[in-house]
Amino acid sequence: MTDSDAVLAANLEFYRAFGARDLAAMDALWAQEAPVACIHPGWPALADRAAVMESWRGILANPEAPRIACYDEQVLLYGDTALVVCEEELDGGTLIASNLFVREGAAWRLAHHQAGQMIARRPQRSRRGRPAGSRLN
């Protein structure tokens, strides 16, 4: 498996844990050694692992939290760091997101997640125009 494939697999697992409201899986995805940060839409920045995990505990425990789907992922590799830029589709609209991964041992772990409102969209492509397997969840 290439590094790019491994990062995409870790990104897929992030959205799987998010969609399944699986706190244990979410916790396992976040870096243990590297500093972490998270910016949820409309929230102040969280820059401490305990605060980040507490935020996910609240989000994942909320039965009213919307379903989420990730698509149009793009991986940018920088050695032992990788950035995934993607779109998140929720019931209320589409967000643009960036997920920063770091290599810890043999695994890619999340070090930063940020999602925010997308004001301008690229021209829509037809579903047939999307590469197979580009839509997650």
N, C-alpha and C. Protein backbone atom coordinates (compact mmCIF):
# COMPACT_ATOMS: atom_id res chain seq x y z
N MET A 1 0.85 -1.17 0.00
CA MET A 1 0.00 0.00 0.00
C MET A 1 0.90 1.24 0.00
N THR A 2 0.60 2.18 -0.87
CA THR A 2 1.38 3.42 -0.92
C THR A 2 1.02 4.30 0.27
N ASP A 3 1.87 5.29 0.55
CA ASP A 3 1.56 6.24 1.62
C ASP A 3 0.25 6.96 1.34
N SER A 4 0.04 7.34 0.09
CA SER A 4 -1.20 8.03 -0.27
C SER A 4 -2.42 7.16 0.03
N ASP A 5 -2.34 5.87 -0.32
CA ASP A 5 -3.44 4.95 -0.03
C ASP A 5 -3.65 4.79 1.47
N ALA A 6 -2.56 4.71 2.22
CA ALA A 6 -2.66 4.54 3.67
C ALA A 6 -3.29 5.78 4.32
N VAL A 7 -2.95 6.96 3.82
CA VAL A 7 -3.55 8.19 4.35
C VAL A 7 -5.03 8.23 4.02
N LEU A 8 -5.39 7.86 2.80
CA LEU A 8 -6.81 7.82 2.43
C LEU A 8 -7.57 6.81 3.29
N ALA A 9 -6.93 5.68 3.61
CA ALA A 9 -7.57 4.68 4.48
C ALA A 9 -7.78 5.26 5.88
N ALA A 10 -6.81 6.00 6.39
CA ALA A 10 -6.95 6.63 7.71
C ALA A 10 -8.05 7.69 7.67
N ASN A 11 -8.12 8.44 6.58
CA ASN A 11 -9.17 9.45 6.43
C ASN A 11 -10.55 8.79 6.37
N LEU A 12 -10.64 7.69 5.64
CA LEU A 12 -11.89 6.92 5.57
C LEU A 12 -12.30 6.44 6.96
N GLU A 13 -11.34 5.98 7.73
CA GLU A 13 -11.63 5.50 9.09
C GLU A 13 -12.13 6.65 9.98
N PHE A 14 -11.57 7.85 9.79
CA PHE A 14 -12.04 9.03 10.53
C PHE A 14 -13.53 9.26 10.26
N TYR A 15 -13.92 9.27 8.99
CA TYR A 15 -15.32 9.51 8.66
C TYR A 15 -16.20 8.32 9.02
N ARG A 16 -15.65 7.11 9.01
CA ARG A 16 -16.42 5.95 9.46
C ARG A 16 -16.72 6.07 10.96
N ALA A 17 -15.68 6.41 11.73
CA ALA A 17 -15.86 6.58 13.18
C ALA A 17 -16.85 7.72 13.47
N PHE A 18 -16.74 8.80 12.71
CA PHE A 18 -17.64 9.94 12.86
C PHE A 18 -19.07 9.50 12.58
N GLY A 19 -19.30 8.85 11.45
CA GLY A 19 -20.63 8.43 11.06
C GLY A 19 -21.23 7.38 11.98
N ALA A 20 -20.38 6.49 12.51
CA ALA A 20 -20.84 5.42 13.39
C ALA A 20 -20.93 5.88 14.84
N ARG A 21 -20.49 7.10 15.11
CA ARG A 21 -20.45 7.65 16.47
C ARG A 21 -19.65 6.75 17.40
N ASP A 22 -18.49 6.33 16.88
CA ASP A 22 -17.62 5.38 17.57
C ASP A 22 -16.48 6.14 18.25
N LEU A 23 -16.66 6.49 19.51
CA LEU A 23 -15.68 7.29 20.24
C LEU A 23 -14.35 6.55 20.39
N ALA A 24 -14.38 5.26 20.66
CA ALA A 24 -13.14 4.50 20.82
C ALA A 24 -12.31 4.52 19.53
N ALA A 25 -12.98 4.34 18.39
CA ALA A 25 -12.27 4.39 17.11
C ALA A 25 -11.75 5.80 16.84
N MET A 26 -12.55 6.82 17.17
CA MET A 26 -12.12 8.20 16.98
C MET A 26 -10.89 8.49 17.82
N ASP A 27 -10.90 8.06 19.08
CA ASP A 27 -9.76 8.28 19.96
C ASP A 27 -8.50 7.60 19.43
N ALA A 28 -8.65 6.39 18.89
CA ALA A 28 -7.51 5.65 18.36
C ALA A 28 -6.91 6.31 17.13
N LEU A 29 -7.68 7.12 16.42
CA LEU A 29 -7.20 7.77 15.20
C LEU A 29 -6.33 9.00 15.47
N TRP A 30 -6.51 9.63 16.60
CA TRP A 30 -5.80 10.87 16.88
C TRP A 30 -4.40 10.59 17.39
N ALA A 31 -3.47 11.44 17.01
CA ALA A 31 -2.06 11.29 17.38
C ALA A 31 -1.90 11.24 18.89
N GLN A 32 -0.97 10.40 19.33
CA GLN A 32 -0.64 10.28 20.75
C GLN A 32 0.63 11.07 21.09
N GLU A 33 1.54 11.16 20.12
CA GLU A 33 2.84 11.79 20.35
C GLU A 33 2.90 13.22 19.83
N ALA A 34 2.32 13.47 18.68
CA ALA A 34 2.36 14.81 18.07
C ALA A 34 1.29 15.70 18.70
N PRO A 35 1.52 17.00 18.73
CA PRO A 35 0.48 17.91 19.21
C PRO A 35 -0.73 17.83 18.27
N VAL A 36 -1.93 18.01 18.82
CA VAL A 36 -3.14 17.97 18.01
C VAL A 36 -3.94 19.25 18.18
N ALA A 37 -4.77 19.52 17.17
CA ALA A 37 -5.66 20.68 17.20
C ALA A 37 -6.89 20.35 16.37
N CYS A 38 -7.98 21.03 16.67
CA CYS A 38 -9.22 20.79 15.95
C CYS A 38 -10.03 22.08 15.93
N ILE A 39 -10.61 22.38 14.77
CA ILE A 39 -11.49 23.54 14.65
C ILE A 39 -12.79 23.06 14.02
N HIS A 40 -13.81 22.88 14.87
CA HIS A 40 -15.14 22.53 14.39
C HIS A 40 -15.80 23.80 13.86
N PRO A 41 -16.71 23.68 12.89
CA PRO A 41 -17.36 24.87 12.35
C PRO A 41 -18.01 25.72 13.45
N GLY A 42 -17.62 26.99 13.49
CA GLY A 42 -18.19 27.92 14.46
C GLY A 42 -17.60 27.86 15.85
N TRP A 43 -16.66 26.94 16.07
CA TRP A 43 -16.05 26.79 17.40
C TRP A 43 -14.71 27.51 17.44
N PRO A 44 -14.24 27.85 18.64
CA PRO A 44 -12.85 28.32 18.77
C PRO A 44 -11.90 27.13 18.57
N ALA A 45 -10.65 27.44 18.30
CA ALA A 45 -9.66 26.39 18.09
C ALA A 45 -9.42 25.62 19.39
N LEU A 46 -9.32 24.31 19.27
CA LEU A 46 -8.95 23.44 20.39
C LEU A 46 -7.54 22.95 20.11
N ALA A 47 -6.63 23.15 21.05
CA ALA A 47 -5.24 22.81 20.79
C ALA A 47 -4.63 21.95 21.89
N ASP A 48 -5.41 21.02 22.36
CA ASP A 48 -4.97 20.13 23.42
C ASP A 48 -5.72 18.81 23.21
N ARG A 49 -5.03 17.68 23.28
CA ARG A 49 -5.67 16.41 22.97
C ARG A 49 -6.89 16.14 23.85
N ALA A 50 -6.79 16.45 25.13
CA ALA A 50 -7.93 16.21 26.03
C ALA A 50 -9.14 17.04 25.60
N ALA A 51 -8.92 18.30 25.22
CA ALA A 51 -10.03 19.16 24.78
C ALA A 51 -10.60 18.67 23.45
N VAL A 52 -9.73 18.23 22.54
CA VAL A 52 -10.19 17.72 21.25
C VAL A 52 -11.06 16.48 21.46
N MET A 53 -10.60 15.56 22.29
CA MET A 53 -11.38 14.33 22.51
C MET A 53 -12.68 14.62 23.27
N GLU A 54 -12.66 15.58 24.17
CA GLU A 54 -13.90 15.96 24.86
C GLU A 54 -14.91 16.52 23.86
N SER A 55 -14.42 17.29 22.87
CA SER A 55 -15.33 17.83 21.85
C SER A 55 -15.96 16.69 21.05
N TRP A 56 -15.16 15.70 20.68
CA TRP A 56 -15.69 14.56 19.93
C TRP A 56 -16.65 13.73 20.78
N ARG A 57 -16.37 13.62 22.07
CA ARG A 57 -17.27 12.89 22.96
C ARG A 57 -18.66 13.53 22.91
N GLY A 58 -18.72 14.85 22.98
CA GLY A 58 -20.00 15.55 22.92
C GLY A 58 -20.68 15.43 21.57
N ILE A 59 -19.91 15.57 20.51
CA ILE A 59 -20.48 15.48 19.15
C ILE A 59 -21.01 14.09 18.88
N LEU A 60 -20.22 13.08 19.18
CA LEU A 60 -20.62 11.70 18.87
C LEU A 60 -21.75 11.20 19.76
N ALA A 61 -21.90 11.78 20.93
CA ALA A 61 -22.98 11.37 21.84
C ALA A 61 -24.31 12.05 21.50
N ASN A 62 -24.27 13.05 20.64
CA ASN A 62 -25.47 13.81 20.30
C ASN A 62 -26.30 13.05 19.26
N PRO A 63 -27.48 12.56 19.64
CA PRO A 63 -28.30 11.81 18.68
C PRO A 63 -28.83 12.68 17.54
N GLU A 64 -28.77 14.00 17.71
CA GLU A 64 -29.24 14.92 16.67
C GLU A 64 -28.13 15.31 15.69
N ALA A 65 -26.91 14.83 15.92
CA ALA A 65 -25.81 15.16 15.02
C ALA A 65 -26.14 14.65 13.62
N PRO A 66 -25.87 15.46 12.60
CA PRO A 66 -26.24 15.05 11.25
C PRO A 66 -25.35 13.93 10.70
N ARG A 67 -25.86 13.19 9.73
CA ARG A 67 -25.06 12.22 9.01
C ARG A 67 -24.04 12.98 8.19
N ILE A 68 -22.90 12.37 7.97
CA ILE A 68 -21.83 13.04 7.23
C ILE A 68 -21.28 12.10 6.18
N ALA A 69 -20.97 12.67 5.02
CA ALA A 69 -20.32 11.91 3.95
C ALA A 69 -19.16 12.75 3.44
N CYS A 70 -18.05 12.10 3.15
CA CYS A 70 -16.85 12.78 2.67
C CYS A 70 -16.64 12.41 1.21
N TYR A 71 -16.25 13.39 0.40
CA TYR A 71 -15.94 13.09 -0.99
C TYR A 71 -14.92 14.08 -1.56
N ASP A 72 -14.48 13.78 -2.76
CA ASP A 72 -13.47 14.57 -3.48
C ASP A 72 -12.19 14.76 -2.66
N GLU A 73 -11.70 13.67 -2.07
CA GLU A 73 -10.49 13.72 -1.26
C GLU A 73 -9.26 13.93 -2.14
N GLN A 74 -8.39 14.79 -1.67
CA GLN A 74 -7.10 15.02 -2.32
C GLN A 74 -6.02 14.88 -1.26
N VAL A 75 -5.00 14.07 -1.53
CA VAL A 75 -3.92 13.84 -0.58
C VAL A 75 -2.69 14.62 -1.03
N LEU A 76 -2.09 15.32 -0.10
CA LEU A 76 -0.82 16.02 -0.32
C LEU A 76 0.17 15.44 0.68
N LEU A 77 1.23 14.81 0.18
CA LEU A 77 2.22 14.17 1.05
C LEU A 77 3.42 15.08 1.26
N TYR A 78 3.90 15.12 2.51
CA TYR A 78 5.07 15.90 2.89
C TYR A 78 5.93 15.04 3.79
N GLY A 79 6.47 13.95 3.27
CA GLY A 79 7.27 13.05 4.09
C GLY A 79 6.39 12.31 5.08
N ASP A 80 6.63 12.54 6.37
CA ASP A 80 5.86 11.86 7.42
C ASP A 80 4.63 12.66 7.86
N THR A 81 4.24 13.61 7.03
CA THR A 81 3.05 14.42 7.25
C THR A 81 2.23 14.39 5.97
N ALA A 82 0.92 14.38 6.11
CA ALA A 82 0.05 14.37 4.93
C ALA A 82 -1.19 15.20 5.21
N LEU A 83 -1.67 15.86 4.19
CA LEU A 83 -2.87 16.67 4.29
C LEU A 83 -3.92 16.09 3.35
N VAL A 84 -5.12 15.89 3.87
CA VAL A 84 -6.25 15.50 3.04
C VAL A 84 -7.21 16.68 3.02
N VAL A 85 -7.50 17.16 1.83
CA VAL A 85 -8.50 18.21 1.64
C VAL A 85 -9.71 17.53 1.01
N CYS A 86 -10.88 17.78 1.57
CA CYS A 86 -12.08 17.11 1.08
C CYS A 86 -13.30 17.96 1.35
N GLU A 87 -14.44 17.48 0.86
CA GLU A 87 -15.71 18.12 1.15
C GLU A 87 -16.52 17.18 2.03
N GLU A 88 -17.24 17.78 2.97
CA GLU A 88 -18.11 17.03 3.87
C GLU A 88 -19.55 17.42 3.55
N GLU A 89 -20.34 16.44 3.21
CA GLU A 89 -21.75 16.69 2.93
C GLU A 89 -22.57 16.30 4.15
N LEU A 90 -23.34 17.25 4.64
CA LEU A 90 -24.23 17.03 5.78
C LEU A 90 -25.64 17.37 5.35
N ASP A 91 -26.60 17.02 6.19
CA ASP A 91 -27.99 17.34 5.86
C ASP A 91 -28.18 18.82 5.58
N GLY A 92 -27.46 19.68 6.31
CA GLY A 92 -27.64 21.11 6.18
C GLY A 92 -26.78 21.78 5.13
N GLY A 93 -25.95 21.05 4.41
CA GLY A 93 -25.11 21.67 3.39
C GLY A 93 -23.76 21.00 3.29
N THR A 94 -22.85 21.71 2.66
CA THR A 94 -21.52 21.17 2.40
C THR A 94 -20.47 22.01 3.10
N LEU A 95 -19.52 21.34 3.73
CA LEU A 95 -18.39 21.99 4.37
C LEU A 95 -17.13 21.62 3.61
N ILE A 96 -16.13 22.46 3.70
CA ILE A 96 -14.80 22.14 3.19
C ILE A 96 -13.97 21.76 4.41
N ALA A 97 -13.15 20.72 4.28
CA ALA A 97 -12.39 20.25 5.43
C ALA A 97 -10.96 19.95 5.06
N SER A 98 -10.10 20.06 6.06
CA SER A 98 -8.72 19.62 5.92
C SER A 98 -8.39 18.75 7.13
N ASN A 99 -7.75 17.64 6.84
CA ASN A 99 -7.34 16.68 7.87
C ASN A 99 -5.84 16.46 7.74
N LEU A 100 -5.11 16.82 8.77
CA LEU A 100 -3.65 16.69 8.76
C LEU A 100 -3.28 15.41 9.51
N PHE A 101 -2.52 14.56 8.84
CA PHE A 101 -2.08 13.29 9.42
C PHE A 101 -0.58 13.31 9.61
N VAL A 102 -0.12 12.66 10.67
CA VAL A 102 1.30 12.46 10.92
C VAL A 102 1.55 10.97 11.07
N ARG A 103 2.74 10.56 10.68
CA ARG A 103 3.09 9.15 10.84
C ARG A 103 3.62 8.93 12.25
N GLU A 104 2.96 8.05 12.97
CA GLU A 104 3.44 7.64 14.30
C GLU A 104 3.67 6.14 14.22
N GLY A 105 4.93 5.74 14.23
CA GLY A 105 5.26 4.34 14.01
C GLY A 105 4.88 3.98 12.58
N ALA A 106 4.09 2.94 12.42
CA ALA A 106 3.66 2.50 11.09
C ALA A 106 2.28 3.05 10.72
N ALA A 107 1.65 3.83 11.59
CA ALA A 107 0.28 4.28 11.35
C ALA A 107 0.22 5.78 11.07
N TRP A 108 -0.76 6.17 10.27
CA TRP A 108 -1.06 7.58 10.05
C TRP A 108 -2.14 7.98 11.05
N ARG A 109 -1.84 9.03 11.83
CA ARG A 109 -2.75 9.50 12.88
C ARG A 109 -3.12 10.96 12.62
N LEU A 110 -4.34 11.31 13.00
CA LEU A 110 -4.81 12.68 12.85
C LEU A 110 -4.09 13.60 13.83
N ALA A 111 -3.63 14.73 13.34
CA ALA A 111 -3.03 15.75 14.20
C ALA A 111 -3.87 17.03 14.16
N HIS A 112 -4.67 17.19 13.10
CA HIS A 112 -5.49 18.39 12.98
C HIS A 112 -6.68 18.12 12.07
N HIS A 113 -7.84 18.58 12.49
CA HIS A 113 -9.05 18.56 11.64
C HIS A 113 -9.65 19.94 11.69
N GLN A 114 -10.02 20.45 10.52
CA GLN A 114 -10.72 21.73 10.46
C GLN A 114 -11.79 21.63 9.38
N ALA A 115 -12.98 22.07 9.71
CA ALA A 115 -14.07 22.11 8.74
C ALA A 115 -14.77 23.44 8.86
N GLY A 116 -15.19 23.96 7.73
CA GLY A 116 -15.88 25.24 7.74
C GLY A 116 -16.80 25.37 6.54
N GLN A 117 -17.63 26.38 6.61
CA GLN A 117 -18.60 26.62 5.56
C GLN A 117 -17.91 26.89 4.23
N MET A 118 -18.49 26.36 3.20
CA MET A 118 -17.98 26.60 1.85
C MET A 118 -18.96 27.55 1.18
N ILE A 119 -18.50 28.75 0.88
CA ILE A 119 -19.36 29.78 0.28
C ILE A 119 -19.48 29.57 -1.23
N ALA A 120 -18.34 29.45 -1.88
CA ALA A 120 -18.33 29.26 -3.34
C ALA A 120 -18.00 27.82 -3.65
N ARG A 121 -18.70 27.26 -4.60
CA ARG A 121 -18.48 25.86 -5.00
C ARG A 121 -17.91 25.82 -6.40
N ARG A 122 -17.14 24.78 -6.63
CA ARG A 122 -16.69 24.51 -7.99
C ARG A 122 -17.91 24.11 -8.81
N PRO A 123 -17.85 24.23 -10.11
CA PRO A 123 -18.98 23.76 -10.92
C PRO A 123 -19.25 22.29 -10.61
N GLN A 124 -20.52 21.94 -10.48
CA GLN A 124 -20.91 20.57 -10.15
C GLN A 124 -20.56 19.63 -11.31
N ARG A 125 -20.02 18.49 -10.95
CA ARG A 125 -19.80 17.43 -11.92
C ARG A 125 -20.92 16.43 -11.73
N SER A 126 -21.23 15.73 -12.77
CA SER A 126 -22.24 14.69 -12.63
C SER A 126 -21.68 13.57 -11.78
N ARG A 127 -22.53 12.77 -11.19
CA ARG A 127 -22.08 11.62 -10.40
C ARG A 127 -21.21 10.71 -11.26
N ARG A 128 -21.52 10.63 -12.55
CA ARG A 128 -20.70 9.79 -13.43
C ARG A 128 -19.30 10.37 -13.59
N GLY A 129 -19.16 11.69 -13.39
CA GLY A 129 -17.87 12.34 -13.56
C GLY A 129 -16.92 12.12 -12.39
N ARG A 130 -17.46 11.64 -11.26
CA ARG A 130 -16.61 11.38 -10.10
C ARG A 130 -15.93 10.03 -10.25
N PRO A 131 -14.67 9.96 -9.83
CA PRO A 131 -13.99 8.67 -9.88
C PRO A 131 -14.70 7.65 -9.01
N ALA A 132 -14.68 6.41 -9.43
CA ALA A 132 -15.31 5.34 -8.65
C ALA A 132 -14.70 5.29 -7.26
N GLY A 133 -15.55 5.15 -6.26
CA GLY A 133 -15.06 5.04 -4.90
C GLY A 133 -14.69 6.35 -4.26
N SER A 134 -15.01 7.48 -4.88
CA SER A 134 -14.60 8.76 -4.30
C SER A 134 -15.55 9.22 -3.20
N ARG A 135 -16.69 8.62 -3.08
CA ARG A 135 -17.64 9.02 -2.04
C ARG A 135 -17.57 8.03 -0.90
N LEU A 136 -17.40 8.54 0.30
CA LEU A 136 -17.29 7.71 1.48
C LEU A 136 -18.57 7.78 2.28
N ASN A 137 -18.75 6.78 3.15
CA ASN A 137 -19.93 6.66 4.03
C ASN A 137 -21.13 6.36 3.19
